[in-house]
Amino acid sequence: MHEETFAIIQALVPVAWADGTFAEKEKDMLDALLESYGATPEEKARLHDYAKERRTLDDINLQNLSAGDRCVLLQHAVLLSFADGEQHPTESKLIQDLAARLRVPVEQAKSVIAGAEARAKKHLALLG
């Protein structure tokens, strides 16, 4: 797996912790992303180790993420926020903060978030 791809998945950990609980469904979703991107057993172990403690947006490194990577991260973050069947207000706030931190232009961020929310709500049964 490319380091940028690992960085995207690693940056999702604060989203999983946003409501104060790193739920099993969120862990499963991160594992599915790791699997889909062809993570090695070592990369999986590295992410699991990283996710053991609560993380915040201050813990993520955005240095090497391209503009496209940042939009993918934002989309994945929205989908992950619905993993337990609903998006909590703390998760919604964190996603807004993440979009600002990613420096995704406001109108583009609104579009990315709205599209991802619509997909997540449409496919809640698949997410949960």
N, C-alpha and C. Protein backbone atom coordinates (compact mmCIF):
# COMPACT_ATOMS: atom_id res chain seq x y z
N MET A 1 0.86 -1.17 0.00
CA MET A 1 0.00 0.00 0.00
C MET A 1 0.90 1.23 0.00
N HIS A 2 0.54 2.22 -0.77
CA HIS A 2 1.30 3.47 -0.79
C HIS A 2 1.17 4.17 0.56
N GLU A 3 2.20 4.88 0.92
CA GLU A 3 2.21 5.60 2.21
C GLU A 3 1.09 6.64 2.26
N GLU A 4 0.77 7.26 1.13
CA GLU A 4 -0.31 8.25 1.09
C GLU A 4 -1.65 7.58 1.41
N THR A 5 -1.85 6.39 0.88
CA THR A 5 -3.10 5.67 1.14
C THR A 5 -3.19 5.29 2.61
N PHE A 6 -2.08 4.84 3.18
CA PHE A 6 -2.08 4.51 4.60
C PHE A 6 -2.39 5.77 5.41
N ALA A 7 -1.83 6.91 5.00
CA ALA A 7 -2.07 8.17 5.71
C ALA A 7 -3.55 8.54 5.68
N ILE A 8 -4.22 8.28 4.56
CA ILE A 8 -5.66 8.56 4.47
C ILE A 8 -6.42 7.72 5.48
N ILE A 9 -6.12 6.43 5.53
CA ILE A 9 -6.84 5.54 6.45
C ILE A 9 -6.50 5.89 7.89
N GLN A 10 -5.24 6.17 8.15
CA GLN A 10 -4.83 6.54 9.50
C GLN A 10 -5.54 7.82 9.95
N ALA A 11 -5.74 8.76 9.03
CA ALA A 11 -6.40 10.02 9.35
C ALA A 11 -7.88 9.84 9.67
N LEU A 12 -8.42 8.66 9.39
CA LEU A 12 -9.82 8.38 9.71
C LEU A 12 -10.00 8.00 11.18
N VAL A 13 -8.93 7.64 11.85
CA VAL A 13 -9.03 7.21 13.25
C VAL A 13 -9.67 8.29 14.14
N PRO A 14 -9.30 9.57 14.01
CA PRO A 14 -9.98 10.58 14.83
C PRO A 14 -11.50 10.65 14.57
N VAL A 15 -11.91 10.36 13.34
CA VAL A 15 -13.35 10.35 13.03
C VAL A 15 -14.02 9.21 13.80
N ALA A 16 -13.35 8.06 13.82
CA ALA A 16 -13.90 6.91 14.56
C ALA A 16 -14.02 7.22 16.06
N TRP A 17 -13.12 8.02 16.58
CA TRP A 17 -13.13 8.36 18.00
C TRP A 17 -13.98 9.60 18.31
N ALA A 18 -14.53 10.28 17.30
CA ALA A 18 -15.18 11.58 17.48
C ALA A 18 -16.30 11.57 18.52
N ASP A 19 -17.08 10.50 18.58
CA ASP A 19 -18.18 10.45 19.55
C ASP A 19 -17.74 9.85 20.89
N GLY A 20 -16.43 9.65 21.05
CA GLY A 20 -15.90 9.14 22.31
C GLY A 20 -15.76 7.63 22.37
N THR A 21 -16.26 6.94 21.36
CA THR A 21 -16.20 5.49 21.33
C THR A 21 -15.72 5.02 19.97
N PHE A 22 -14.78 4.11 19.99
CA PHE A 22 -14.30 3.50 18.75
C PHE A 22 -15.05 2.18 18.64
N ALA A 23 -16.20 2.24 18.00
CA ALA A 23 -17.13 1.10 17.94
C ALA A 23 -16.61 0.00 17.02
N GLU A 24 -17.11 -1.20 17.26
CA GLU A 24 -16.71 -2.36 16.46
C GLU A 24 -17.01 -2.16 14.97
N LYS A 25 -18.14 -1.54 14.66
CA LYS A 25 -18.49 -1.31 13.25
C LYS A 25 -17.50 -0.35 12.59
N GLU A 26 -17.00 0.60 13.36
CA GLU A 26 -15.99 1.52 12.82
C GLU A 26 -14.68 0.77 12.59
N LYS A 27 -14.31 -0.09 13.53
CA LYS A 27 -13.11 -0.92 13.35
C LYS A 27 -13.25 -1.80 12.12
N ASP A 28 -14.43 -2.39 11.96
CA ASP A 28 -14.67 -3.25 10.80
C ASP A 28 -14.55 -2.47 9.49
N MET A 29 -15.05 -1.24 9.49
CA MET A 29 -14.99 -0.43 8.28
C MET A 29 -13.54 -0.06 7.95
N LEU A 30 -12.76 0.28 8.96
CA LEU A 30 -11.35 0.58 8.71
C LEU A 30 -10.62 -0.66 8.22
N ASP A 31 -10.95 -1.81 8.79
CA ASP A 31 -10.34 -3.07 8.32
C ASP A 31 -10.71 -3.35 6.87
N ALA A 32 -11.96 -3.07 6.50
CA ALA A 32 -12.40 -3.27 5.12
C ALA A 32 -11.63 -2.35 4.17
N LEU A 33 -11.41 -1.11 4.59
CA LEU A 33 -10.62 -0.19 3.77
C LEU A 33 -9.18 -0.69 3.63
N LEU A 34 -8.60 -1.13 4.73
CA LEU A 34 -7.25 -1.68 4.67
C LEU A 34 -7.19 -2.84 3.68
N GLU A 35 -8.16 -3.71 3.78
CA GLU A 35 -8.22 -4.88 2.90
C GLU A 35 -8.38 -4.45 1.44
N SER A 36 -9.26 -3.50 1.21
CA SER A 36 -9.53 -3.08 -0.17
C SER A 36 -8.33 -2.41 -0.82
N TYR A 37 -7.48 -1.79 -0.01
CA TYR A 37 -6.29 -1.15 -0.55
C TYR A 37 -5.07 -2.07 -0.51
N GLY A 38 -5.27 -3.33 -0.13
CA GLY A 38 -4.18 -4.30 -0.16
C GLY A 38 -3.14 -4.12 0.92
N ALA A 39 -3.57 -3.72 2.12
CA ALA A 39 -2.63 -3.52 3.22
C ALA A 39 -1.95 -4.83 3.60
N THR A 40 -0.69 -4.72 3.97
CA THR A 40 0.06 -5.87 4.45
C THR A 40 -0.34 -6.14 5.90
N PRO A 41 -0.04 -7.33 6.40
CA PRO A 41 -0.31 -7.60 7.83
C PRO A 41 0.38 -6.59 8.75
N GLU A 42 1.56 -6.15 8.36
CA GLU A 42 2.29 -5.16 9.16
C GLU A 42 1.56 -3.82 9.17
N GLU A 43 1.02 -3.41 8.02
CA GLU A 43 0.28 -2.15 7.95
C GLU A 43 -1.00 -2.24 8.77
N LYS A 44 -1.67 -3.37 8.70
CA LYS A 44 -2.88 -3.57 9.50
C LYS A 44 -2.55 -3.46 10.99
N ALA A 45 -1.47 -4.12 11.40
CA ALA A 45 -1.06 -4.09 12.80
C ALA A 45 -0.69 -2.67 13.22
N ARG A 46 -0.02 -1.95 12.32
CA ARG A 46 0.37 -0.55 12.60
C ARG A 46 -0.86 0.33 12.82
N LEU A 47 -1.89 0.16 11.99
CA LEU A 47 -3.09 0.96 12.16
C LEU A 47 -3.82 0.56 13.44
N HIS A 48 -3.94 -0.72 13.70
CA HIS A 48 -4.62 -1.18 14.92
C HIS A 48 -3.92 -0.64 16.16
N ASP A 49 -2.60 -0.62 16.13
CA ASP A 49 -1.82 -0.10 17.24
C ASP A 49 -2.10 1.40 17.43
N TYR A 50 -2.09 2.12 16.33
CA TYR A 50 -2.32 3.56 16.34
C TYR A 50 -3.72 3.88 16.89
N ALA A 51 -4.69 3.06 16.53
CA ALA A 51 -6.09 3.33 16.89
C ALA A 51 -6.45 2.91 18.31
N LYS A 52 -5.53 2.30 19.03
CA LYS A 52 -5.84 1.84 20.39
C LYS A 52 -6.17 2.98 21.34
N GLU A 53 -5.59 4.15 21.09
CA GLU A 53 -5.89 5.28 21.95
C GLU A 53 -6.63 6.36 21.17
N ARG A 54 -7.39 7.14 21.90
CA ARG A 54 -8.19 8.19 21.25
C ARG A 54 -7.27 9.17 20.52
N ARG A 55 -7.65 9.47 19.30
CA ARG A 55 -6.90 10.41 18.46
C ARG A 55 -7.78 11.59 18.09
N THR A 56 -7.13 12.72 17.84
CA THR A 56 -7.83 13.93 17.42
C THR A 56 -7.26 14.39 16.08
N LEU A 57 -7.83 15.43 15.53
CA LEU A 57 -7.33 15.97 14.27
C LEU A 57 -5.89 16.45 14.41
N ASP A 58 -5.49 16.84 15.61
CA ASP A 58 -4.11 17.29 15.83
C ASP A 58 -3.11 16.16 15.63
N ASP A 59 -3.57 14.91 15.68
CA ASP A 59 -2.67 13.76 15.55
C ASP A 59 -2.42 13.35 14.10
N ILE A 60 -3.15 13.91 13.17
CA ILE A 60 -3.00 13.44 11.79
C ILE A 60 -2.01 14.30 11.02
N ASN A 61 -1.29 13.63 10.11
CA ASN A 61 -0.29 14.28 9.28
C ASN A 61 -0.85 14.40 7.86
N LEU A 62 -1.03 15.62 7.44
CA LEU A 62 -1.62 15.87 6.12
C LEU A 62 -0.59 16.31 5.10
N GLN A 63 0.66 16.33 5.49
CA GLN A 63 1.73 16.86 4.65
C GLN A 63 1.76 16.30 3.23
N ASN A 64 1.67 14.98 3.10
CA ASN A 64 1.90 14.35 1.80
C ASN A 64 0.62 14.05 1.03
N LEU A 65 -0.50 14.62 1.44
CA LEU A 65 -1.76 14.33 0.76
C LEU A 65 -2.04 15.34 -0.35
N SER A 66 -2.29 14.81 -1.54
CA SER A 66 -2.63 15.67 -2.67
C SER A 66 -4.07 16.20 -2.49
N ALA A 67 -4.47 17.09 -3.37
CA ALA A 67 -5.84 17.61 -3.32
C ALA A 67 -6.85 16.47 -3.50
N GLY A 68 -6.56 15.54 -4.40
CA GLY A 68 -7.44 14.39 -4.61
C GLY A 68 -7.50 13.50 -3.38
N ASP A 69 -6.34 13.25 -2.76
CA ASP A 69 -6.30 12.45 -1.53
C ASP A 69 -7.14 13.09 -0.44
N ARG A 70 -7.11 14.39 -0.36
CA ARG A 70 -7.86 15.11 0.68
C ARG A 70 -9.37 14.94 0.48
N CYS A 71 -9.80 14.96 -0.76
CA CYS A 71 -11.23 14.74 -1.03
C CYS A 71 -11.63 13.30 -0.72
N VAL A 72 -10.76 12.35 -1.05
CA VAL A 72 -11.04 10.95 -0.73
C VAL A 72 -11.13 10.78 0.78
N LEU A 73 -10.20 11.38 1.51
CA LEU A 73 -10.23 11.32 2.97
C LEU A 73 -11.54 11.89 3.50
N LEU A 74 -11.97 13.01 2.98
CA LEU A 74 -13.21 13.64 3.43
C LEU A 74 -14.41 12.73 3.15
N GLN A 75 -14.46 12.12 1.97
CA GLN A 75 -15.54 11.19 1.63
C GLN A 75 -15.54 9.99 2.57
N HIS A 76 -14.38 9.39 2.78
CA HIS A 76 -14.29 8.23 3.68
C HIS A 76 -14.69 8.62 5.11
N ALA A 77 -14.31 9.82 5.53
CA ALA A 77 -14.65 10.28 6.88
C ALA A 77 -16.16 10.35 7.06
N VAL A 78 -16.84 10.89 6.06
CA VAL A 78 -18.31 10.97 6.15
C VAL A 78 -18.91 9.57 6.22
N LEU A 79 -18.47 8.67 5.35
CA LEU A 79 -19.00 7.31 5.37
C LEU A 79 -18.73 6.64 6.72
N LEU A 80 -17.53 6.81 7.25
CA LEU A 80 -17.19 6.22 8.54
C LEU A 80 -18.06 6.77 9.66
N SER A 81 -18.42 8.04 9.55
CA SER A 81 -19.25 8.66 10.60
C SER A 81 -20.65 8.04 10.66
N PHE A 82 -21.06 7.35 9.62
CA PHE A 82 -22.36 6.68 9.59
C PHE A 82 -22.26 5.18 9.89
N ALA A 83 -21.07 4.69 10.21
CA ALA A 83 -20.85 3.24 10.38
C ALA A 83 -21.76 2.62 11.43
N ASP A 84 -22.10 3.39 12.46
CA ASP A 84 -22.97 2.84 13.50
C ASP A 84 -24.45 3.14 13.25
N GLY A 85 -24.77 3.60 12.04
CA GLY A 85 -26.17 3.81 11.67
C GLY A 85 -26.64 5.24 11.70
N GLU A 86 -25.88 6.12 12.33
CA GLU A 86 -26.24 7.53 12.37
C GLU A 86 -24.99 8.37 12.56
N GLN A 87 -25.09 9.61 12.13
CA GLN A 87 -23.98 10.53 12.31
C GLN A 87 -24.26 11.38 13.54
N HIS A 88 -23.43 11.27 14.54
CA HIS A 88 -23.60 12.05 15.76
C HIS A 88 -23.16 13.50 15.52
N PRO A 89 -23.72 14.45 16.26
CA PRO A 89 -23.33 15.85 16.08
C PRO A 89 -21.82 16.08 16.24
N THR A 90 -21.18 15.36 17.15
CA THR A 90 -19.74 15.52 17.32
C THR A 90 -18.98 15.05 16.08
N GLU A 91 -19.50 14.03 15.41
CA GLU A 91 -18.88 13.54 14.18
C GLU A 91 -19.07 14.55 13.05
N SER A 92 -20.26 15.12 12.97
CA SER A 92 -20.53 16.13 11.94
C SER A 92 -19.61 17.33 12.12
N LYS A 93 -19.44 17.77 13.35
CA LYS A 93 -18.56 18.91 13.65
C LYS A 93 -17.12 18.57 13.29
N LEU A 94 -16.69 17.38 13.64
CA LEU A 94 -15.32 16.97 13.34
C LEU A 94 -15.08 16.95 11.83
N ILE A 95 -16.07 16.52 11.07
CA ILE A 95 -15.92 16.48 9.61
C ILE A 95 -15.80 17.90 9.05
N GLN A 96 -16.56 18.83 9.60
CA GLN A 96 -16.43 20.23 9.17
C GLN A 96 -15.04 20.75 9.50
N ASP A 97 -14.55 20.43 10.70
CA ASP A 97 -13.21 20.84 11.10
C ASP A 97 -12.15 20.18 10.23
N LEU A 98 -12.36 18.91 9.89
CA LEU A 98 -11.43 18.19 9.03
C LEU A 98 -11.37 18.85 7.66
N ALA A 99 -12.51 19.21 7.09
CA ALA A 99 -12.54 19.86 5.77
C ALA A 99 -11.74 21.15 5.80
N ALA A 100 -11.88 21.92 6.88
CA ALA A 100 -11.12 23.17 7.00
C ALA A 100 -9.63 22.88 7.12
N ARG A 101 -9.29 21.89 7.92
CA ARG A 101 -7.88 21.53 8.10
C ARG A 101 -7.27 21.01 6.80
N LEU A 102 -8.07 20.31 6.02
CA LEU A 102 -7.60 19.78 4.73
C LEU A 102 -7.45 20.88 3.68
N ARG A 103 -8.00 22.05 3.99
CA ARG A 103 -7.98 23.19 3.06
C ARG A 103 -8.70 22.89 1.76
N VAL A 104 -9.76 22.10 1.88
CA VAL A 104 -10.62 21.87 0.73
C VAL A 104 -11.49 23.12 0.60
N PRO A 105 -11.54 23.74 -0.58
CA PRO A 105 -12.36 24.95 -0.73
C PRO A 105 -13.79 24.71 -0.22
N VAL A 106 -14.36 25.70 0.41
CA VAL A 106 -15.64 25.58 1.10
C VAL A 106 -16.73 24.98 0.23
N GLU A 107 -16.91 25.49 -0.97
CA GLU A 107 -17.98 24.97 -1.84
C GLU A 107 -17.71 23.52 -2.25
N GLN A 108 -16.46 23.20 -2.52
CA GLN A 108 -16.11 21.83 -2.87
C GLN A 108 -16.34 20.91 -1.67
N ALA A 109 -15.96 21.36 -0.48
CA ALA A 109 -16.15 20.55 0.73
C ALA A 109 -17.64 20.29 0.95
N LYS A 110 -18.46 21.32 0.78
CA LYS A 110 -19.91 21.14 0.95
C LYS A 110 -20.43 20.09 -0.02
N SER A 111 -19.98 20.14 -1.25
CA SER A 111 -20.41 19.19 -2.27
C SER A 111 -19.94 17.77 -1.95
N VAL A 112 -18.69 17.62 -1.57
CA VAL A 112 -18.14 16.30 -1.22
C VAL A 112 -18.90 15.72 -0.02
N ILE A 113 -19.10 16.53 1.01
CA ILE A 113 -19.78 16.06 2.22
C ILE A 113 -21.23 15.70 1.91
N ALA A 114 -21.92 16.55 1.17
CA ALA A 114 -23.33 16.29 0.85
C ALA A 114 -23.47 15.00 0.03
N GLY A 115 -22.60 14.82 -0.95
CA GLY A 115 -22.65 13.61 -1.77
C GLY A 115 -22.37 12.36 -0.96
N ALA A 116 -21.37 12.43 -0.09
CA ALA A 116 -21.03 11.27 0.74
C ALA A 116 -22.13 10.98 1.75
N GLU A 117 -22.74 12.02 2.32
CA GLU A 117 -23.85 11.81 3.26
C GLU A 117 -25.03 11.15 2.56
N ALA A 118 -25.34 11.60 1.35
CA ALA A 118 -26.45 11.01 0.60
C ALA A 118 -26.19 9.53 0.32
N ARG A 119 -24.96 9.20 -0.09
CA ARG A 119 -24.61 7.79 -0.33
C ARG A 119 -24.69 6.98 0.96
N ALA A 120 -24.18 7.54 2.03
CA ALA A 120 -24.19 6.82 3.31
C ALA A 120 -25.63 6.55 3.77
N LYS A 121 -26.48 7.55 3.68
CA LYS A 121 -27.88 7.38 4.11
C LYS A 121 -28.61 6.38 3.22
N LYS A 122 -28.31 6.40 1.93
CA LYS A 122 -28.94 5.48 1.00
C LYS A 122 -28.53 4.04 1.25
N HIS A 123 -27.31 3.86 1.73
CA HIS A 123 -26.77 2.51 1.90
C HIS A 123 -26.45 2.18 3.35
N LEU A 124 -27.23 2.72 4.28
CA LEU A 124 -26.98 2.48 5.70
C LEU A 124 -26.92 0.99 6.03
N ALA A 125 -27.73 0.19 5.40
CA ALA A 125 -27.74 -1.26 5.68
C ALA A 125 -26.40 -1.89 5.33
N LEU A 126 -25.75 -1.39 4.29
CA LEU A 126 -24.44 -1.93 3.91
C LEU A 126 -23.33 -1.46 4.84
N LEU A 127 -23.48 -0.23 5.36
CA LEU A 127 -22.46 0.31 6.25
C LEU A 127 -22.50 -0.36 7.62
N GLY A 128 -23.69 -0.62 8.09
CA GLY A 128 -23.81 -1.13 9.45
C GLY A 128 -23.97 -2.55 9.53
